[in-house]
């Protein structure tokens, strides 16, 4: 059986086109003065045979650590705004950017989008949302609009530069409010709407310096962190009162 599998592998046709890609950095440090970062995704298309007919397209996605989200709807009841309905999302990326060489609808089929979860709506997983609301899509669309306005979600159609159907690059801006963890970078080659090759990379995002110290203190020793916060708040209040007295005198 092993020899048969090896023969079948050798007999299979070589992939005509594949991705050779890299990142400008594979680690981002969040410090006290961190105000965002920019990642350059670059690469080339490797060919083992003449290029087939039809345009070749590139899609790049950057996905932050997914987290569960509860989306609530407010309605006015007896003159007071209250939560009347809620939908729970199993996993929504804390950050998501998708950059392409052209319009997503033109370069990616529904079948491959469902398979690889490339578009923003596919990247959000809300398995049980249909049982919690008659119209769960309204809640998810609202969350998308909010995060798009906050620049936590980005759809950059046409932002991938593709030269001579060989070299490509995309600049992805990461916001200042990054969630710590691993950010998954995926690259796709498509032709005729079908994905013909895909590649994954990982960017590590970690707090460093004072940010790391405070983060560890808050999680490992919450009592000490709380007492330290009270002391600092008291010192700040005392300093402000002394400053006002000096200004009045």
Protein backbone atom coordinates (compact mmCIF):
# COMPACT_ATOMS: atom_id res chain seq x y z
CA UNK A 1 0.00 0.00 0.00
CA UNK A 2 2.87 2.35 0.78
CA UNK A 3 4.45 1.74 -2.64
CA UNK A 4 1.09 2.33 -4.33
CA UNK A 5 0.64 5.67 -2.49
CA UNK A 6 4.18 6.71 -3.49
CA UNK A 7 3.55 5.84 -7.15
CA UNK A 8 0.30 7.81 -7.14
CA UNK A 9 2.10 10.81 -5.61
CA UNK A 10 4.84 10.70 -8.23
CA UNK A 11 2.31 10.32 -11.00
CA UNK A 12 0.29 13.34 -9.87
CA UNK A 13 0.85 16.47 -11.97
CA UNK A 14 3.04 19.17 -10.47
CA UNK A 15 1.27 22.31 -9.33
CA UNK A 16 1.70 24.84 -12.12
CA UNK A 17 1.64 27.96 -9.92
CA UNK A 18 2.47 28.46 -6.25
CA UNK A 19 3.23 31.26 -3.80
CA UNK A 20 6.65 32.24 -2.52
CA UNK A 21 6.00 34.93 0.12
CA UNK A 22 7.44 36.75 3.11
CA UNK A 23 6.65 39.37 5.76
CA UNK A 24 8.47 42.57 6.67
CA UNK A 25 8.26 41.47 10.33
CA UNK A 26 6.93 38.44 12.16
CA UNK A 27 6.71 40.05 15.59
CA UNK A 28 5.03 43.21 16.88
CA UNK A 29 5.82 44.59 20.35
CA UNK A 30 3.16 46.59 22.19
CA UNK A 31 4.89 49.18 24.38
CA UNK A 32 3.63 52.18 26.35
CA UNK A 33 3.94 54.47 23.32
CA UNK A 34 2.66 51.96 20.73
CA UNK A 35 0.41 53.70 18.19
CA UNK A 36 0.03 50.96 15.59
CA UNK A 37 2.24 49.21 13.09
CA UNK A 38 2.40 48.39 9.40
CA UNK A 39 3.04 44.95 7.92
CA UNK A 40 4.37 44.50 4.40
CA UNK A 41 3.30 41.23 2.80
CA UNK A 42 5.28 40.51 -0.35
CA UNK A 43 5.99 37.62 -2.64
CA UNK A 44 6.12 36.11 -6.08
CA UNK A 45 4.35 33.47 -8.12
CA UNK A 46 6.49 30.41 -8.85
CA UNK A 47 5.65 28.60 -12.08
CA UNK A 48 6.66 25.08 -13.08
CA UNK A 49 4.78 25.32 -16.38
CA UNK A 50 3.53 28.02 -18.76
CA UNK A 51 0.86 30.25 -17.25
CA UNK A 52 -2.70 29.10 -18.06
CA UNK A 53 -5.15 31.41 -19.76
CA UNK A 54 -7.08 33.89 -17.63
CA UNK A 55 -5.97 36.52 -15.10
CA UNK A 56 -4.30 35.48 -11.87
CA UNK A 57 -5.45 37.20 -8.66
CA UNK A 58 -4.01 37.52 -5.13
CA UNK A 59 -5.88 37.73 -1.82
CA UNK A 60 -4.19 38.50 1.52
CA UNK A 61 -5.92 38.20 4.88
CA UNK A 62 -4.66 39.11 8.36
CA UNK A 63 -6.69 37.72 11.26
CA UNK A 64 -6.29 38.52 14.94
CA UNK A 65 -7.11 36.13 17.79
CA UNK A 66 -10.84 35.26 17.68
CA UNK A 67 -12.99 35.92 20.75
CA UNK A 68 -16.66 35.31 21.63
CA UNK A 69 -18.89 38.38 21.33
CA UNK A 70 -22.39 39.16 22.59
CA UNK A 71 -24.31 41.63 20.42
CA UNK A 72 -27.27 43.32 22.10
CA UNK A 73 -30.19 45.23 20.68
CA UNK A 74 -31.68 48.17 22.57
CA UNK A 75 -35.29 49.28 22.32
CA UNK A 76 -37.22 52.06 24.00
CA UNK A 77 -39.58 50.62 26.61
CA UNK A 78 -41.69 53.00 28.71
CA UNK A 79 -39.34 55.83 27.79
CA UNK A 80 -36.19 53.93 28.84
CA UNK A 81 -33.64 52.29 26.54
CA UNK A 82 -33.17 48.65 27.59
CA UNK A 83 -31.60 45.52 26.10
CA UNK A 84 -34.42 43.52 24.49
CA UNK A 85 -32.56 40.93 22.43
CA UNK A 86 -29.06 39.46 22.19
CA UNK A 87 -27.10 37.23 19.82
CA UNK A 88 -23.94 35.36 20.82
CA UNK A 89 -21.13 35.00 18.28
CA UNK A 90 -18.91 31.98 18.90
CA UNK A 91 -15.73 33.51 17.45
CA UNK A 92 -15.18 36.91 15.88
CA UNK A 93 -11.66 38.01 14.90
CA UNK A 94 -10.37 40.79 17.13
CA UNK A 95 -8.82 42.22 13.94
CA UNK A 96 -9.46 41.27 10.33
CA UNK A 97 -8.16 42.72 7.10
CA UNK A 98 -8.62 41.35 3.60
CA UNK A 99 -6.66 42.91 0.73
CA UNK A 100 -7.11 41.89 -2.90
CA UNK A 101 -6.03 42.65 -6.44
CA UNK A 102 -9.65 43.14 -7.50
CA UNK A 103 -13.29 42.97 -6.37
CA UNK A 104 -13.87 39.93 -4.17
CA UNK A 105 -17.07 38.98 -5.97
CA UNK A 106 -15.16 38.73 -9.24
CA UNK A 107 -12.05 36.86 -8.08
CA UNK A 108 -13.44 34.43 -5.49
CA UNK A 109 -16.20 31.86 -5.87
CA UNK A 110 -18.81 31.25 -3.17
CA UNK A 111 -17.64 27.65 -2.88
CA UNK A 112 -14.02 28.52 -2.13
CA UNK A 113 -15.08 31.39 0.13
CA UNK A 114 -17.11 28.91 2.17
CA UNK A 115 -14.18 26.49 2.21
CA UNK A 116 -11.44 28.94 3.20
CA UNK A 117 -13.55 31.57 5.09
CA UNK A 118 -11.96 34.53 3.34
CA UNK A 119 -14.58 37.28 3.25
CA UNK A 120 -15.45 39.12 6.43
CA UNK A 121 -18.87 37.53 6.81
CA UNK A 122 -17.35 34.04 6.51
CA UNK A 123 -14.56 34.81 9.01
CA UNK A 124 -17.15 35.42 11.76
CA UNK A 125 -18.46 32.15 13.19
CA UNK A 126 -21.90 32.33 14.76
CA UNK A 127 -23.15 28.73 14.80
CA UNK A 128 -26.02 29.08 17.27
CA UNK A 129 -27.11 32.61 16.36
CA UNK A 130 -30.07 31.37 14.32
CA UNK A 131 -31.69 29.92 17.45
CA UNK A 132 -31.42 33.20 19.39
CA UNK A 133 -33.02 35.59 16.92
CA UNK A 134 -35.31 35.57 13.92
CA UNK A 135 -32.83 37.78 12.09
CA UNK A 136 -29.29 37.09 13.40
CA UNK A 137 -27.74 38.61 10.28
CA UNK A 138 -28.87 42.08 11.40
CA UNK A 139 -26.87 41.74 14.63
CA UNK A 140 -23.75 40.46 12.86
CA UNK A 141 -23.99 43.21 10.22
CA UNK A 142 -24.21 45.79 13.01
CA UNK A 143 -21.06 44.41 14.65
CA UNK A 144 -19.26 44.52 11.32
CA UNK A 145 -20.25 48.16 10.75
CA UNK A 146 -19.02 49.14 14.22
CA UNK A 147 -15.68 47.38 13.83
CA UNK A 148 -15.22 48.71 10.30
CA UNK A 149 -15.77 52.24 11.66
CA UNK A 150 -13.21 51.51 14.41
CA UNK A 151 -10.74 50.28 11.75
CA UNK A 152 -10.58 46.90 13.47
CA UNK A 153 -12.03 45.34 10.32
CA UNK A 154 -10.80 46.41 6.88
CA UNK A 155 -11.79 45.41 3.37
CA UNK A 156 -9.08 46.64 0.97
CA UNK A 157 -10.21 45.65 -2.50
CA UNK A 158 -7.61 46.52 -5.11
CA UNK A 159 -4.93 47.22 -2.47
CA UNK A 160 -2.61 44.37 -3.54
CA UNK A 161 -0.10 45.54 -6.13
CA UNK A 162 0.54 42.84 -8.75
CA UNK A 163 3.33 43.34 -11.30
CA UNK A 164 3.49 41.34 -14.52
CA UNK A 165 1.40 38.57 -12.93
CA UNK A 166 4.52 37.64 -10.96
CA UNK A 167 5.45 39.98 -8.08
CA UNK A 168 2.95 41.24 -5.50
CA UNK A 169 2.88 43.31 -2.32
CA UNK A 170 0.29 44.53 0.17
CA UNK A 171 0.63 46.98 3.08
CA UNK A 172 -1.59 46.15 6.06
CA UNK A 173 -1.92 48.74 8.83
CA UNK A 174 -2.40 47.32 12.33
CA UNK A 175 -4.26 49.62 14.77
CA UNK A 176 -3.04 50.75 18.17
CA UNK A 177 -5.65 48.71 20.07
CA UNK A 178 -4.27 45.31 19.12
CA UNK A 179 -5.20 42.20 21.07
CA UNK A 180 -2.19 40.21 22.23
CA UNK A 181 -1.71 36.84 20.54
CA UNK A 182 -0.92 35.23 17.21
CA UNK A 183 -2.10 36.93 14.02
CA UNK A 184 -2.65 34.60 11.11
CA UNK A 185 -1.60 35.84 7.66
CA UNK A 186 -3.02 33.90 4.71
CA UNK A 187 -2.20 34.33 1.04
CA UNK A 188 -4.31 32.93 -1.80
CA UNK A 189 -3.79 32.65 -5.54
CA UNK A 190 -7.04 32.46 -7.50
CA UNK A 191 -7.82 31.95 -11.14
CA UNK A 192 -11.36 31.95 -12.48
CA UNK A 193 -12.64 32.36 -8.92
CA UNK A 194 -10.96 29.16 -7.70
CA UNK A 195 -8.12 29.01 -5.16
CA UNK A 196 -5.15 27.31 -6.82
CA UNK A 197 -2.64 27.79 -3.98
CA UNK A 198 -2.62 29.04 -0.40
CA UNK A 199 0.03 29.79 2.19
CA UNK A 200 -0.01 30.66 5.91
CA UNK A 201 2.26 32.84 8.02
CA UNK A 202 2.06 33.92 11.69
CA UNK A 203 2.82 37.27 13.33
CA UNK A 204 3.31 37.28 17.12
CA UNK A 205 1.92 40.31 18.97
CA UNK A 206 3.07 40.71 22.57
CA UNK A 207 3.12 43.39 25.22
CA UNK A 208 6.63 44.49 26.22
CA UNK A 209 8.22 46.66 28.91
CA UNK A 210 5.83 48.48 31.25
CA UNK A 211 2.80 47.15 29.38
CA UNK A 212 3.97 43.57 29.94
CA UNK A 213 4.67 44.24 33.64
CA UNK A 214 1.22 45.74 34.26
CA UNK A 215 -0.50 43.00 32.26
CA UNK A 216 1.22 40.23 34.23
CA UNK A 217 0.60 42.01 37.52
CA UNK A 218 -3.12 42.41 36.80
CA UNK A 219 -3.51 38.71 35.91
CA UNK A 220 -1.07 37.07 38.31
CA UNK A 221 -1.54 39.32 41.38
CA UNK A 222 -4.84 41.20 41.04
CA UNK A 223 -4.87 42.26 44.72
CA UNK A 224 -1.46 43.92 44.43
CA UNK A 225 -2.51 45.51 41.14
CA UNK A 226 -5.69 46.90 42.73
CA UNK A 227 -3.82 48.31 45.73
CA UNK A 228 -1.19 49.86 43.47
CA UNK A 229 -3.93 51.46 41.36
CA UNK A 230 -5.51 52.98 44.48
CA UNK A 231 -2.16 54.34 45.65
CA UNK A 232 -1.43 55.89 42.25
CA UNK A 233 -4.93 57.37 42.07
CA UNK A 234 -4.49 58.87 45.55
CA UNK A 235 -1.10 60.33 44.63
CA UNK A 236 -2.54 61.80 41.43
CA UNK A 237 -5.41 63.41 43.36
CA UNK A 238 -3.04 64.78 45.98
CA UNK A 239 -0.73 66.16 43.29
CA UNK A 240 -3.66 67.84 41.53
CA UNK A 241 -4.86 69.49 44.75
CA UNK A 242 -1.36 70.78 45.53
CA UNK A 243 -1.10 72.17 42.02
CA UNK A 244 -4.42 74.06 42.34
CA UNK A 245 -3.33 75.54 45.69
CA UNK A 246 -0.08 76.77 44.21
CA UNK A 247 -1.96 78.33 41.26
CA UNK A 248 -4.31 80.20 43.62
CA UNK A 249 -1.58 81.49 45.91
